[in-house]
Amino acid sequence: MTEEKFQSEIKILEVFFTHYCRDKHQFQYIKNYHLEYKKSAYTYELNLCKECHELISYSYARLKNCSHSVKPRCRECDDPCYEKEQWKRVAKVMRYNGIRVGTEKILNKLYGLLFQEKTL
């Protein structure tokens, strides 16, 4: 996997876990993550609950050790590296955000159409 793809994947995890945890959990605390991949280093500061910190740390480790040169979507991978229970937990976070992002896109299109009609 390229360094750009790795950075993109960790950014997606960061955004998805941040939204999910903020909406679903309490008692969050800040933790710094320093990740190294090939020749690059990445530092993130995340405000999550303990459970989400543990799960995103697990996800970072799996991503870092992905053996594919061209990374497939995890749900389409022939050789999954996630343990089944962990995969279910991460899939829940991804599904929640997929629904949220889809709803935001629809609302933005509707808002654009309504705003456009009023200016004509």
PDB file of N, CA and C in Angstrom:
ATOM      1  N   MET A   1       0.856  -1.169   0.000  1.00  0.00           N
ATOM      2  CA  MET A   1       0.000   0.000   0.000  1.00  0.00           C
ATOM      3  C   MET A   1       0.907   1.238   0.000  1.00  0.00           C
ATOM      4  N   THR A   2       0.503   2.240  -0.722  1.00  0.00           N
ATOM      5  CA  THR A   2       1.301   3.467  -0.774  1.00  0.00           C
ATOM      6  C   THR A   2       1.151   4.264   0.514  1.00  0.00           C
ATOM      7  N   GLU A   3       2.095   5.164   0.744  1.00  0.00           N
ATOM      8  CA  GLU A   3       2.024   6.015   1.928  1.00  0.00           C
ATOM      9  C   GLU A   3       0.815   6.938   1.864  1.00  0.00           C
ATOM     10  N   GLU A   4       0.460   7.388   0.659  1.00  0.00           N
ATOM     11  CA  GLU A   4      -0.710   8.251   0.500  1.00  0.00           C
ATOM     12  C   GLU A   4      -1.992   7.501   0.849  1.00  0.00           C
ATOM     13  N   LYS A   5      -2.084   6.244   0.428  1.00  0.00           N
ATOM     14  CA  LYS A   5      -3.257   5.427   0.741  1.00  0.00           C
ATOM     15  C   LYS A   5      -3.334   5.168   2.245  1.00  0.00           C
ATOM     16  N   PHE A   6      -2.187   4.903   2.873  1.00  0.00           N
ATOM     17  CA  PHE A   6      -2.146   4.686   4.317  1.00  0.00           C
ATOM     18  C   PHE A   6      -2.643   5.937   5.040  1.00  0.00           C
ATOM     19  N   GLN A   7      -2.152   7.100   4.618  1.00  0.00           N
ATOM     20  CA  GLN A   7      -2.574   8.352   5.254  1.00  0.00           C
ATOM     21  C   GLN A   7      -4.063   8.578   5.058  1.00  0.00           C
ATOM     22  N   SER A   8      -4.570   8.292   3.883  1.00  0.00           N
ATOM     23  CA  SER A   8      -6.003   8.436   3.611  1.00  0.00           C
ATOM     24  C   SER A   8      -6.825   7.508   4.505  1.00  0.00           C
ATOM     25  N   GLU A   9      -6.378   6.279   4.657  1.00  0.00           N
ATOM     26  CA  GLU A   9      -7.093   5.304   5.483  1.00  0.00           C
ATOM     27  C   GLU A   9      -7.104   5.705   6.961  1.00  0.00           C
ATOM     28  N   ILE A  10      -5.984   6.200   7.482  1.00  0.00           N
ATOM     29  CA  ILE A  10      -5.976   6.586   8.891  1.00  0.00           C
ATOM     30  C   ILE A  10      -6.799   7.845   9.115  1.00  0.00           C
ATOM     31  N   LYS A  11      -6.873   8.710   8.112  1.00  0.00           N
ATOM     32  CA  LYS A  11      -7.715   9.900   8.224  1.00  0.00           C
ATOM     33  C   LYS A  11      -9.198   9.503   8.270  1.00  0.00           C
ATOM     34  N   ILE A  12      -9.576   8.537   7.455  1.00  0.00           N
ATOM     35  CA  ILE A  12     -10.959   8.045   7.472  1.00  0.00           C
ATOM     36  C   ILE A  12     -11.288   7.461   8.841  1.00  0.00           C
ATOM     37  N   LEU A  13     -10.390   6.636   9.379  1.00  0.00           N
ATOM     38  CA  LEU A  13     -10.614   6.069  10.711  1.00  0.00           C
ATOM     39  C   LEU A  13     -10.767   7.170  11.748  1.00  0.00           C
ATOM     40  N   GLU A  14      -9.908   8.174  11.674  1.00  0.00           N
ATOM     41  CA  GLU A  14      -9.958   9.281  12.638  1.00  0.00           C
ATOM     42  C   GLU A  14     -11.311   9.990  12.590  1.00  0.00           C
ATOM     43  N   VAL A  15     -11.746  10.349  11.413  1.00  0.00           N
ATOM     44  CA  VAL A  15     -13.007  11.081  11.253  1.00  0.00           C
ATOM     45  C   VAL A  15     -14.192  10.214  11.677  1.00  0.00           C
ATOM     46  N   PHE A  16     -14.230   8.977  11.218  1.00  0.00           N
ATOM     47  CA  PHE A  16     -15.355   8.102  11.525  1.00  0.00           C
ATOM     48  C   PHE A  16     -15.451   7.808  13.016  1.00  0.00           C
ATOM     49  N   PHE A  17     -14.335   7.488  13.652  1.00  0.00           N
ATOM     50  CA  PHE A  17     -14.376   7.197  15.085  1.00  0.00           C
ATOM     51  C   PHE A  17     -14.718   8.440  15.901  1.00  0.00           C
ATOM     52  N   THR A  18     -14.215   9.596  15.491  1.00  0.00           N
ATOM     53  CA  THR A  18     -14.517  10.833  16.213  1.00  0.00           C
ATOM     54  C   THR A  18     -16.009  11.123  16.200  1.00  0.00           C
ATOM     55  N   HIS A  19     -16.635  11.035  15.027  1.00  0.00           N
ATOM     56  CA  HIS A  19     -18.077  11.288  14.926  1.00  0.00           C
ATOM     57  C   HIS A  19     -18.880  10.248  15.695  1.00  0.00           C
ATOM     58  N   TYR A  20     -18.524   9.008  15.528  1.00  0.00           N
ATOM     59  CA  TYR A  20     -19.266   7.927  16.188  1.00  0.00           C
ATOM     60  C   TYR A  20     -19.198   8.065  17.704  1.00  0.00           C
ATOM     61  N   CYS A  21     -18.001   8.243  18.226  1.00  0.00           N
ATOM     62  CA  CYS A  21     -17.825   8.303  19.680  1.00  0.00           C
ATOM     63  C   CYS A  21     -18.488   9.549  20.263  1.00  0.00           C
ATOM     64  N   ARG A  22     -18.365  10.662  19.571  1.00  0.00           N
ATOM     65  CA  ARG A  22     -18.993  11.899  20.048  1.00  0.00           C
ATOM     66  C   ARG A  22     -20.506  11.741  20.143  1.00  0.00           C
ATOM     67  N   ASP A  23     -21.097  11.054  19.181  1.00  0.00           N
ATOM     68  CA  ASP A  23     -22.548  10.893  19.152  1.00  0.00           C
ATOM     69  C   ASP A  23     -23.058   9.774  20.071  1.00  0.00           C
ATOM     70  N   LYS A  24     -22.236   8.776  20.358  1.00  0.00           N
ATOM     71  CA  LYS A  24     -22.704   7.587  21.060  1.00  0.00           C
ATOM     72  C   LYS A  24     -22.186   7.409  22.484  1.00  0.00           C
ATOM     73  N   HIS A  25     -21.046   7.980  22.825  1.00  0.00           N
ATOM     74  CA  HIS A  25     -20.407   7.675  24.098  1.00  0.00           C
ATOM     75  C   HIS A  25     -20.138   8.913  24.938  1.00  0.00           C
ATOM     76  N   GLN A  26     -19.875   8.684  26.213  1.00  0.00           N
ATOM     77  CA  GLN A  26     -19.516   9.749  27.145  1.00  0.00           C
ATOM     78  C   GLN A  26     -18.114   9.472  27.684  1.00  0.00           C
ATOM     79  N   PHE A  27     -17.641  10.348  28.546  1.00  0.00           N
ATOM     80  CA  PHE A  27     -16.369  10.179  29.245  1.00  0.00           C
ATOM     81  C   PHE A  27     -15.194   9.992  28.287  1.00  0.00           C
ATOM     82  N   GLN A  28     -15.066  10.912  27.370  1.00  0.00           N
ATOM     83  CA  GLN A  28     -13.974  10.848  26.413  1.00  0.00           C
ATOM     84  C   GLN A  28     -12.728  11.504  26.986  1.00  0.00           C
ATOM     85  N   TYR A  29     -11.583  11.090  26.497  1.00  0.00           N
ATOM     86  CA  TYR A  29     -10.329  11.707  26.885  1.00  0.00           C
ATOM     87  C   TYR A  29      -9.411  11.754  25.672  1.00  0.00           C
ATOM     88  N   ILE A  30      -8.461  12.659  25.723  1.00  0.00           N
ATOM     89  CA  ILE A  30      -7.551  12.880  24.596  1.00  0.00           C
ATOM     90  C   ILE A  30      -6.364  11.932  24.703  1.00  0.00           C
ATOM     91  N   LYS A  31      -6.029  11.351  23.564  1.00  0.00           N
ATOM     92  CA  LYS A  31      -4.861  10.484  23.480  1.00  0.00           C
ATOM     93  C   LYS A  31      -4.144  10.789  22.181  1.00  0.00           C
ATOM     94  N   ASN A  32      -2.814  10.831  22.242  1.00  0.00           N
ATOM     95  CA  ASN A  32      -2.000  11.069  21.049  1.00  0.00           C
ATOM     96  C   ASN A  32      -1.575   9.744  20.434  1.00  0.00           C
ATOM     97  N   TYR A  33      -1.620   9.692  19.113  1.00  0.00           N
ATOM     98  CA  TYR A  33      -1.182   8.523  18.365  1.00  0.00           C
ATOM     99  C   TYR A  33      -0.035   8.932  17.461  1.00  0.00           C
ATOM    100  N   HIS A  34       1.017   8.168  17.495  1.00  0.00           N
ATOM    101  CA  HIS A  34       2.145   8.392  16.602  1.00  0.00           C
ATOM    102  C   HIS A  34       2.324   7.108  15.791  1.00  0.00           C
ATOM    103  N   LEU A  35       2.063   7.209  14.502  1.00  0.00           N
ATOM    104  CA  LEU A  35       2.139   6.049  13.623  1.00  0.00           C
ATOM    105  C   LEU A  35       3.257   6.234  12.615  1.00  0.00           C
ATOM    106  N   GLU A  36       3.978   5.166  12.362  1.00  0.00           N
ATOM    107  CA  GLU A  36       5.016   5.182  11.341  1.00  0.00           C
ATOM    108  C   GLU A  36       4.672   4.149  10.290  1.00  0.00           C
ATOM    109  N   TYR A  37       4.832   4.560   9.042  1.00  0.00           N
ATOM    110  CA  TYR A  37       4.570   3.643   7.935  1.00  0.00           C
ATOM    111  C   TYR A  37       5.584   3.937   6.848  1.00  0.00           C
ATOM    112  N   LYS A  38       6.345   2.922   6.508  1.00  0.00           N
ATOM    113  CA  LYS A  38       7.440   3.058   5.552  1.00  0.00           C
ATOM    114  C   LYS A  38       8.345   4.202   5.990  1.00  0.00           C
ATOM    115  N   LYS A  39       8.422   5.273   5.224  1.00  0.00           N
ATOM    116  CA  LYS A  39       9.327   6.376   5.567  1.00  0.00           C
ATOM    117  C   LYS A  39       8.613   7.581   6.164  1.00  0.00           C
ATOM    118  N   SER A  40       7.335   7.445   6.424  1.00  0.00           N
ATOM    119  CA  SER A  40       6.555   8.580   6.923  1.00  0.00           C
ATOM    120  C   SER A  40       6.100   8.348   8.359  1.00  0.00           C
ATOM    121  N   ALA A  41       5.864   9.470   9.043  1.00  0.00           N
ATOM    122  CA  ALA A  41       5.341   9.421  10.410  1.00  0.00           C
ATOM    123  C   ALA A  41       4.108  10.310  10.477  1.00  0.00           C
ATOM    124  N   TYR A  42       3.120   9.873  11.228  1.00  0.00           N
ATOM    125  CA  TYR A  42       1.855  10.586  11.363  1.00  0.00           C
ATOM    126  C   TYR A  42       1.523  10.705  12.847  1.00  0.00           C
ATOM    127  N   THR A  43       1.042  11.873  13.236  1.00  0.00           N
ATOM    128  CA  THR A  43       0.649  12.097  14.619  1.00  0.00           C
ATOM    129  C   THR A  43      -0.782  12.606  14.636  1.00  0.00           C
ATOM    130  N   TYR A  44      -1.603  11.966  15.468  1.00  0.00           N
ATOM    131  CA  TYR A  44      -3.001  12.350  15.606  1.00  0.00           C
ATOM    132  C   TYR A  44      -3.344  12.485  17.078  1.00  0.00           C
ATOM    133  N   GLU A  45      -4.208  13.437  17.366  1.00  0.00           N
ATOM    134  CA  GLU A  45      -4.727  13.618  18.710  1.00  0.00           C
ATOM    135  C   GLU A  45      -6.225  13.378  18.639  1.00  0.00           C
ATOM    136  N   LEU A  46      -6.681  12.352  19.333  1.00  0.00           N
ATOM    137  CA  LEU A  46      -8.090  11.981  19.264  1.00  0.00           C
ATOM    138  C   LEU A  46      -8.741  12.061  20.629  1.00  0.00           C
ATOM    139  N   ASN A  47      -9.983  12.535  20.635  1.00  0.00           N
ATOM    140  CA  ASN A  47     -10.779  12.635  21.851  1.00  0.00           C
ATOM    141  C   ASN A  47     -11.873  11.574  21.771  1.00  0.00           C
ATOM    142  N   LEU A  48     -11.594  10.398  22.364  1.00  0.00           N
ATOM    143  CA  LEU A  48     -12.502   9.256  22.295  1.00  0.00           C
ATOM    144  C   LEU A  48     -12.661   8.624  23.674  1.00  0.00           C
ATOM    145  N   CYS A  49     -13.649   7.750  23.797  1.00  0.00           N
ATOM    146  CA  CYS A  49     -13.797   6.972  25.030  1.00  0.00           C
ATOM    147  C   CYS A  49     -12.771   5.835  25.013  1.00  0.00           C
ATOM    148  N   LYS A  50     -12.647   5.161  26.132  1.00  0.00           N
ATOM    149  CA  LYS A  50     -11.668   4.079  26.251  1.00  0.00           C
ATOM    150  C   LYS A  50     -11.916   2.978  25.211  1.00  0.00           C
ATOM    151  N   GLU A  51     -13.180   2.580  25.051  1.00  0.00           N
ATOM    152  CA  GLU A  51     -13.522   1.518  24.112  1.00  0.00           C
ATOM    153  C   GLU A  51     -13.129   1.887  22.671  1.00  0.00           C
ATOM    154  N   CYS A  52     -13.411   3.124  22.282  1.00  0.00           N
ATOM    155  CA  CYS A  52     -13.084   3.561  20.925  1.00  0.00           C
ATOM    156  C   CYS A  52     -11.573   3.719  20.735  1.00  0.00           C
ATOM    157  N   HIS A  53     -10.864   4.169  21.778  1.00  0.00           N
ATOM    158  CA  HIS A  53      -9.402   4.237  21.700  1.00  0.00           C
ATOM    159  C   HIS A  53      -8.823   2.843  21.459  1.00  0.00           C
ATOM    160  N   GLU A  54      -9.326   1.858  22.173  1.00  0.00           N
ATOM    161  CA  GLU A  54      -8.835   0.488  22.004  1.00  0.00           C
ATOM    162  C   GLU A  54      -9.115  -0.026  20.596  1.00  0.00           C
ATOM    163  N   LEU A  55     -10.306   0.252  20.101  1.00  0.00           N
ATOM    164  CA  LEU A  55     -10.691  -0.246  18.782  1.00  0.00           C
ATOM    165  C   LEU A  55      -9.932   0.459  17.660  1.00  0.00           C
ATOM    166  N   ILE A  56      -9.713   1.758  17.785  1.00  0.00           N
ATOM    167  CA  ILE A  56      -8.974   2.445  16.725  1.00  0.00           C
ATOM    168  C   ILE A  56      -7.493   2.056  16.761  1.00  0.00           C
ATOM    169  N   SER A  57      -6.962   1.792  17.938  1.00  0.00           N
ATOM    170  CA  SER A  57      -5.577   1.304  18.037  1.00  0.00           C
ATOM    171  C   SER A  57      -5.446  -0.043  17.334  1.00  0.00           C
ATOM    172  N   TYR A  58      -6.418  -0.911  17.544  1.00  0.00           N
ATOM    173  CA  TYR A  58      -6.458  -2.216  16.879  1.00  0.00           C
ATOM    174  C   TYR A  58      -6.531  -2.023  15.360  1.00  0.00           C
ATOM    175  N   SER A  59      -7.375  -1.092  14.923  1.00  0.00           N
ATOM    176  CA  SER A  59      -7.538  -0.835  13.491  1.00  0.00           C
ATOM    177  C   SER A  59      -6.254  -0.281  12.879  1.00  0.00           C
ATOM    178  N   TYR A  60      -5.582   0.620  13.593  1.00  0.00           N
ATOM    179  CA  TYR A  60      -4.312   1.150  13.113  1.00  0.00           C
ATOM    180  C   TYR A  60      -3.286   0.031  12.935  1.00  0.00           C
ATOM    181  N   ALA A  61      -3.222  -0.873  13.899  1.00  0.00           N
ATOM    182  CA  ALA A  61      -2.262  -1.971  13.823  1.00  0.00           C
ATOM    183  C   ALA A  61      -2.566  -2.874  12.628  1.00  0.00           C
ATOM    184  N   ARG A  62      -3.834  -3.163  12.398  1.00  0.00           N
ATOM    185  CA  ARG A  62      -4.220  -4.002  11.258  1.00  0.00           C
ATOM    186  C   ARG A  62      -3.899  -3.305   9.940  1.00  0.00           C
ATOM    187  N   LEU A  63      -4.170  -2.029   9.877  1.00  0.00           N
ATOM    188  CA  LEU A  63      -3.891  -1.266   8.657  1.00  0.00           C
ATOM    189  C   LEU A  63      -2.388  -1.241   8.377  1.00  0.00           C
ATOM    190  N   LYS A  64      -1.614  -1.007   9.402  1.00  0.00           N
ATOM    191  CA  LYS A  64      -0.159  -0.932   9.249  1.00  0.00           C
ATOM    192  C   LYS A  64       0.412  -2.257   8.749  1.00  0.00           C
ATOM    193  N   ASN A  65      -0.192  -3.363   9.140  1.00  0.00           N
ATOM    194  CA  ASN A  65       0.310  -4.679   8.758  1.00  0.00           C
ATOM    195  C   ASN A  65      -0.395  -5.282   7.545  1.00  0.00           C
ATOM    196  N   CYS A  66      -1.202  -4.485   6.852  1.00  0.00           N
ATOM    197  CA  CYS A  66      -1.901  -4.990   5.668  1.00  0.00           C
ATOM    198  C   CYS A  66      -0.869  -5.465   4.637  1.00  0.00           C
ATOM    199  N   SER A  67      -1.032  -6.688   4.181  1.00  0.00           N
ATOM    200  CA  SER A  67      -0.045  -7.303   3.282  1.00  0.00           C
ATOM    201  C   SER A  67      -0.277  -7.001   1.804  1.00  0.00           C
ATOM    202  N   HIS A  68      -1.353  -6.321   1.479  1.00  0.00           N
ATOM    203  CA  HIS A  68      -1.686  -6.067   0.071  1.00  0.00           C
ATOM    204  C   HIS A  68      -0.949  -4.842  -0.470  1.00  0.00           C
ATOM    205  N   SER A  69      -0.438  -4.957  -1.675  1.00  0.00           N
ATOM    206  CA  SER A  69       0.208  -3.796  -2.287  1.00  0.00           C
ATOM    207  C   SER A  69      -0.844  -2.787  -2.739  1.00  0.00           C
ATOM    208  N   VAL A  70      -1.963  -3.280  -3.223  1.00  0.00           N
ATOM    209  CA  VAL A  70      -3.117  -2.437  -3.521  1.00  0.00           C
ATOM    210  C   VAL A  70      -4.194  -2.843  -2.519  1.00  0.00           C
ATOM    211  N   LYS A  71      -4.429  -1.990  -1.527  1.00  0.00           N
ATOM    212  CA  LYS A  71      -5.323  -2.348  -0.435  1.00  0.00           C
ATOM    213  C   LYS A  71      -6.776  -2.410  -0.906  1.00  0.00           C
ATOM    214  N   PRO A  72      -7.423  -3.575  -0.722  1.00  0.00           N
ATOM    215  CA  PRO A  72      -8.855  -3.658  -1.027  1.00  0.00           C
ATOM    216  C   PRO A  72      -9.666  -3.124   0.153  1.00  0.00           C
ATOM    217  N   ARG A  73     -10.950  -2.948  -0.044  1.00  0.00           N
ATOM    218  CA  ARG A  73     -11.807  -2.647   1.102  1.00  0.00           C
ATOM    219  C   ARG A  73     -11.778  -3.865   2.009  1.00  0.00           C
ATOM    220  N   CYS A  74     -11.736  -3.617   3.296  1.00  0.00           N
ATOM    221  CA  CYS A  74     -11.614  -4.734   4.243  1.00  0.00           C
ATOM    222  C   CYS A  74     -12.749  -5.734   4.088  1.00  0.00           C
ATOM    223  N   ARG A  75     -13.953  -5.244   3.830  1.00  0.00           N
ATOM    224  CA  ARG A  75     -15.083  -6.170   3.730  1.00  0.00           C
ATOM    225  C   ARG A  75     -15.009  -7.042   2.473  1.00  0.00           C
ATOM    226  N   GLU A  76     -14.169  -6.642   1.499  1.00  0.00           N
ATOM    227  CA  GLU A  76     -14.025  -7.407   0.266  1.00  0.00           C
ATOM    228  C   GLU A  76     -12.736  -8.214   0.221  1.00  0.00           C
ATOM    229  N   CYS A  77     -11.962  -8.171   1.290  1.00  0.00           N
ATOM    230  CA  CYS A  77     -10.653  -8.821   1.336  1.00  0.00           C
ATOM    231  C   CYS A  77     -10.783 -10.344   1.403  1.00  0.00           C
ATOM    232  N   ASP A  78      -9.970 -11.033   0.611  1.00  0.00           N
ATOM    233  CA  ASP A  78      -9.965 -12.498   0.619  1.00  0.00           C
ATOM    234  C   ASP A  78      -9.223 -13.061   1.830  1.00  0.00           C
ATOM    235  N   ASP A  79      -8.365 -12.255   2.420  1.00  0.00           N
ATOM    236  CA  ASP A  79      -7.550 -12.694   3.554  1.00  0.00           C
ATOM    237  C   ASP A  79      -7.704 -11.700   4.710  1.00  0.00           C
ATOM    238  N   PRO A  80      -8.863 -11.697   5.384  1.00  0.00           N
ATOM    239  CA  PRO A  80      -9.115 -10.685   6.410  1.00  0.00           C
ATOM    240  C   PRO A  80      -8.163 -10.809   7.595  1.00  0.00           C
ATOM    241  N   CYS A  81      -7.710  -9.658   8.082  1.00  0.00           N
ATOM    242  CA  CYS A  81      -6.776  -9.658   9.215  1.00  0.00           C
ATOM    243  C   CYS A  81      -7.472  -9.321  10.535  1.00  0.00           C
ATOM    244  N   TYR A  82      -8.702  -8.855  10.466  1.00  0.00           N
ATOM    245  CA  TYR A  82      -9.453  -8.548  11.683  1.00  0.00           C
ATOM    246  C   TYR A  82     -10.019  -9.830  12.295  1.00  0.00           C
ATOM    247  N   GLU A  83      -9.987  -9.922  13.612  1.00  0.00           N
ATOM    248  CA  GLU A  83     -10.705 -10.986  14.286  1.00  0.00           C
ATOM    249  C   GLU A  83     -12.189 -10.682  14.115  1.00  0.00           C
ATOM    250  N   LYS A  84     -12.996 -11.718  14.067  1.00  0.00           N
ATOM    251  CA  LYS A  84     -14.422 -11.564  13.740  1.00  0.00           C
ATOM    252  C   LYS A  84     -15.137 -10.566  14.660  1.00  0.00           C
ATOM    253  N   GLU A  85     -14.920 -10.672  15.965  1.00  0.00           N
ATOM    254  CA  GLU A  85     -15.601  -9.793  16.914  1.00  0.00           C
ATOM    255  C   GLU A  85     -15.161  -8.339  16.724  1.00  0.00           C
ATOM    256  N   GLN A  86     -13.870  -8.136  16.500  1.00  0.00           N
ATOM    257  CA  GLN A  86     -13.353  -6.777  16.277  1.00  0.00           C
ATOM    258  C   GLN A  86     -13.907  -6.215  14.970  1.00  0.00           C
ATOM    259  N   TRP A  87     -13.988  -7.056  13.955  1.00  0.00           N
ATOM    260  CA  TRP A  87     -14.526  -6.616  12.667  1.00  0.00           C
ATOM    261  C   TRP A  87     -15.965  -6.132  12.818  1.00  0.00           C
ATOM    262  N   LYS A  88     -16.764  -6.844  13.593  1.00  0.00           N
ATOM    263  CA  LYS A  88     -18.159  -6.446  13.810  1.00  0.00           C
ATOM    264  C   LYS A  88     -18.227  -5.068  14.463  1.00  0.00           C
ATOM    265  N   ARG A  89     -17.346  -4.819  15.416  1.00  0.00           N
ATOM    266  CA  ARG A  89     -17.339  -3.531  16.121  1.00  0.00           C
ATOM    267  C   ARG A  89     -16.922  -2.387  15.179  1.00  0.00           C
ATOM    268  N   VAL A  90     -15.907  -2.620  14.370  1.00  0.00           N
ATOM    269  CA  VAL A  90     -15.461  -1.585  13.425  1.00  0.00           C
ATOM    270  C   VAL A  90     -16.521  -1.371  12.346  1.00  0.00           C
ATOM    271  N   ALA A  91     -17.133  -2.445  11.877  1.00  0.00           N
ATOM    272  CA  ALA A  91     -18.177  -2.334  10.853  1.00  0.00           C
ATOM    273  C   ALA A  91     -19.339  -1.484  11.359  1.00  0.00           C
ATOM    274  N   LYS A  92     -19.641  -1.575  12.648  1.00  0.00           N
ATOM    275  CA  LYS A  92     -20.712  -0.767  13.241  1.00  0.00           C
ATOM    276  C   LYS A  92     -20.382   0.721  13.148  1.00  0.00           C
ATOM    277  N   VAL A  93     -19.130   1.068  13.410  1.00  0.00           N
ATOM    278  CA  VAL A  93     -18.684   2.464  13.304  1.00  0.00           C
ATOM    279  C   VAL A  93     -18.768   2.930  11.851  1.00  0.00           C
ATOM    280  N   MET A  94     -18.312   2.097  10.928  1.00  0.00           N
ATOM    281  CA  MET A  94     -18.323   2.453   9.503  1.00  0.00           C
ATOM    282  C   MET A  94     -19.755   2.598   8.983  1.00  0.00           C
ATOM    283  N   ARG A  95     -20.609   1.687   9.375  1.00  0.00           N
ATOM    284  CA  ARG A  95     -22.012   1.727   8.928  1.00  0.00           C
ATOM    285  C   ARG A  95     -22.702   2.996   9.430  1.00  0.00           C
ATOM    286  N   TYR A  96     -22.477   3.330  10.696  1.00  0.00           N
ATOM    287  CA  TYR A  96     -23.063   4.537  11.279  1.00  0.00           C
ATOM    288  C   TYR A  96     -22.656   5.766  10.473  1.00  0.00           C
ATOM    289  N   ASN A  97     -21.399   5.867  10.152  1.00  0.00           N
ATOM    290  CA  ASN A  97     -20.905   7.030   9.422  1.00  0.00           C
ATOM    291  C   ASN A  97     -21.334   7.021   7.961  1.00  0.00           C
ATOM    292  N   GLY A  98     -21.447   5.840   7.370  1.00  0.00           N
ATOM    293  CA  GLY A  98     -21.920   5.759   5.993  1.00  0.00           C
ATOM    294  C   GLY A  98     -23.336   6.298   5.872  1.00  0.00           C
ATOM    295  N   ILE A  99     -24.173   5.958   6.823  1.00  0.00           N
ATOM    296  CA  ILE A  99     -25.549   6.458   6.836  1.00  0.00           C
ATOM    297  C   ILE A  99     -25.552   7.969   7.049  1.00  0.00           C
ATOM    298  N   ARG A 100     -24.724   8.434   7.982  1.00  0.00           N
ATOM    299  CA  ARG A 100     -24.660   9.866   8.294  1.00  0.00           C
ATOM    300  C   ARG A 100     -24.169  10.667   7.084  1.00  0.00           C
ATOM    301  N   VAL A 101     -23.119  10.192   6.433  1.00  0.00           N
ATOM    302  CA  VAL A 101     -22.565  10.895   5.272  1.00  0.00           C
ATOM    303  C   VAL A 101     -23.578  10.907   4.130  1.00  0.00           C
ATOM    304  N   GLY A 102     -24.252   9.769   3.905  1.00  0.00           N
ATOM    305  CA  GLY A 102     -25.266   9.698   2.851  1.00  0.00           C
ATOM    306  C   GLY A 102     -26.404  10.671   3.099  1.00  0.00           C
ATOM    307  N   THR A 103     -26.846  10.769   4.338  1.00  0.00           N
ATOM    308  CA  THR A 103     -27.919  11.697   4.697  1.00  0.00           C
ATOM    309  C   THR A 103     -27.474  13.142   4.482  1.00  0.00           C
ATOM    310  N   GLU A 104     -26.235  13.455   4.861  1.00  0.00           N
ATOM    311  CA  GLU A 104     -25.725  14.819   4.664  1.00  0.00           C
ATOM    312  C   GLU A 104     -25.667  15.181   3.183  1.00  0.00           C
ATOM    313  N   LYS A 105     -25.273  14.233   2.323  1.00  0.00           N
ATOM    314  CA  LYS A 105     -25.214  14.500   0.882  1.00  0.00           C
ATOM    315  C   LYS A 105     -26.603  14.813   0.342  1.00  0.00           C
ATOM    316  N   ILE A 106     -27.591  14.037   0.756  1.00  0.00           N
ATOM    317  CA  ILE A 106     -28.966  14.259   0.297  1.00  0.00           C
ATOM    318  C   ILE A 106     -29.470  15.623   0.764  1.00  0.00           C
ATOM    319  N   LEU A 107     -29.227  15.942   2.031  1.00  0.00           N
ATOM    320  CA  LEU A 107     -29.678  17.235   2.558  1.00  0.00           C
ATOM    321  C   LEU A 107     -28.988  18.400   1.853  1.00  0.00           C
ATOM    322  N   ASN A 108     -27.705  18.253   1.536  1.00  0.00           N
ATOM    323  CA  ASN A 108     -26.983  19.306   0.825  1.00  0.00           C
ATOM    324  C   ASN A 108     -27.541  19.512  -0.582  1.00  0.00           C
ATOM    325  N   LYS A 109     -27.889  18.421  -1.259  1.00  0.00           N
ATOM    326  CA  LYS A 109     -28.488  18.539  -2.597  1.00  0.00           C
ATOM    327  C   LYS A 109     -29.852  19.229  -2.518  1.00  0.00           C
ATOM    328  N   LEU A 110     -30.666  18.824  -1.549  1.00  0.00           N
ATOM    329  CA  LEU A 110     -31.977  19.456  -1.379  1.00  0.00           C
ATOM    330  C   LEU A 110     -31.836  20.939  -1.061  1.00  0.00           C
ATOM    331  N   TYR A 111     -30.915  21.261  -0.169  1.00  0.00           N
ATOM    332  CA  TYR A 111     -30.682  22.654   0.188  1.00  0.00           C
ATOM    333  C   TYR A 111     -30.253  23.446  -1.046  1.00  0.00           C
ATOM    334  N   GLY A 112     -29.369  22.854  -1.855  1.00  0.00           N
ATOM    335  CA  GLY A 112     -28.920  23.519  -3.074  1.00  0.00           C
ATOM    336  C   GLY A 112     -30.068  23.766  -4.035  1.00  0.00           C
ATOM    337  N   LEU A 113     -30.938  22.786  -4.200  1.00  0.00           N
ATOM    338  CA  LEU A 113     -32.094  22.946  -5.086  1.00  0.00           C
ATOM    339  C   LEU A 113     -33.052  24.014  -4.556  1.00  0.00           C
ATOM    340  N   LEU A 114     -33.329  24.009  -3.283  1.00  0.00           N
ATOM    341  CA  LEU A 114     -34.222  24.997  -2.694  1.00  0.00           C
ATOM    342  C   LEU A 114     -33.652  26.405  -2.787  1.00  0.00           C
ATOM    343  N   PHE A 115     -32.366  26.515  -2.503  1.00  0.00           N
ATOM    344  CA  PHE A 115     -31.711  27.819  -2.547  1.00  0.00           C
ATOM    345  C   PHE A 115     -31.674  28.351  -3.976  1.00  0.00           C
ATOM    346  N   GLN A 116     -31.408  27.462  -4.937  1.00  0.00           N
ATOM    347  CA  GLN A 116     -31.339  27.837  -6.339  1.00  0.00           C
ATOM    348  C   GLN A 116     -32.702  28.324  -6.827  1.00  0.00           C
ATOM    349  N   GLU A 117     -33.787  27.643  -6.438  1.00  0.00           N
ATOM    350  CA  GLU A 117     -35.139  28.039  -6.865  1.00  0.00           C
ATOM    351  C   GLU A 117     -35.521  29.404  -6.324  1.00  0.00           C
ATOM    352  N   LYS A 118     -35.127  29.734  -5.108  1.00  0.00           N
ATOM    353  CA  LYS A 118     -35.494  31.004  -4.501  1.00  0.00           C
ATOM    354  C   LYS A 118     -34.777  32.182  -5.152  1.00  0.00           C
ATOM    355  N   THR A 119     -33.564  31.934  -5.706  1.00  0.00           N
ATOM    356  CA  THR A 119     -32.811  33.029  -6.319  1.00  0.00           C
ATOM    357  C   THR A 119     -33.246  33.271  -7.751  1.00  0.00           C
ATOM    358  N   LEU A 120     -34.013  32.364  -8.344  1.00  0.00           N
ATOM    359  CA  LEU A 120     -34.442  32.555  -9.734  1.00  0.00           C
ATOM    360  C   LEU A 120     -35.611  33.435  -9.845  1.00  0.00           C
TER     361      LEU A 120
END
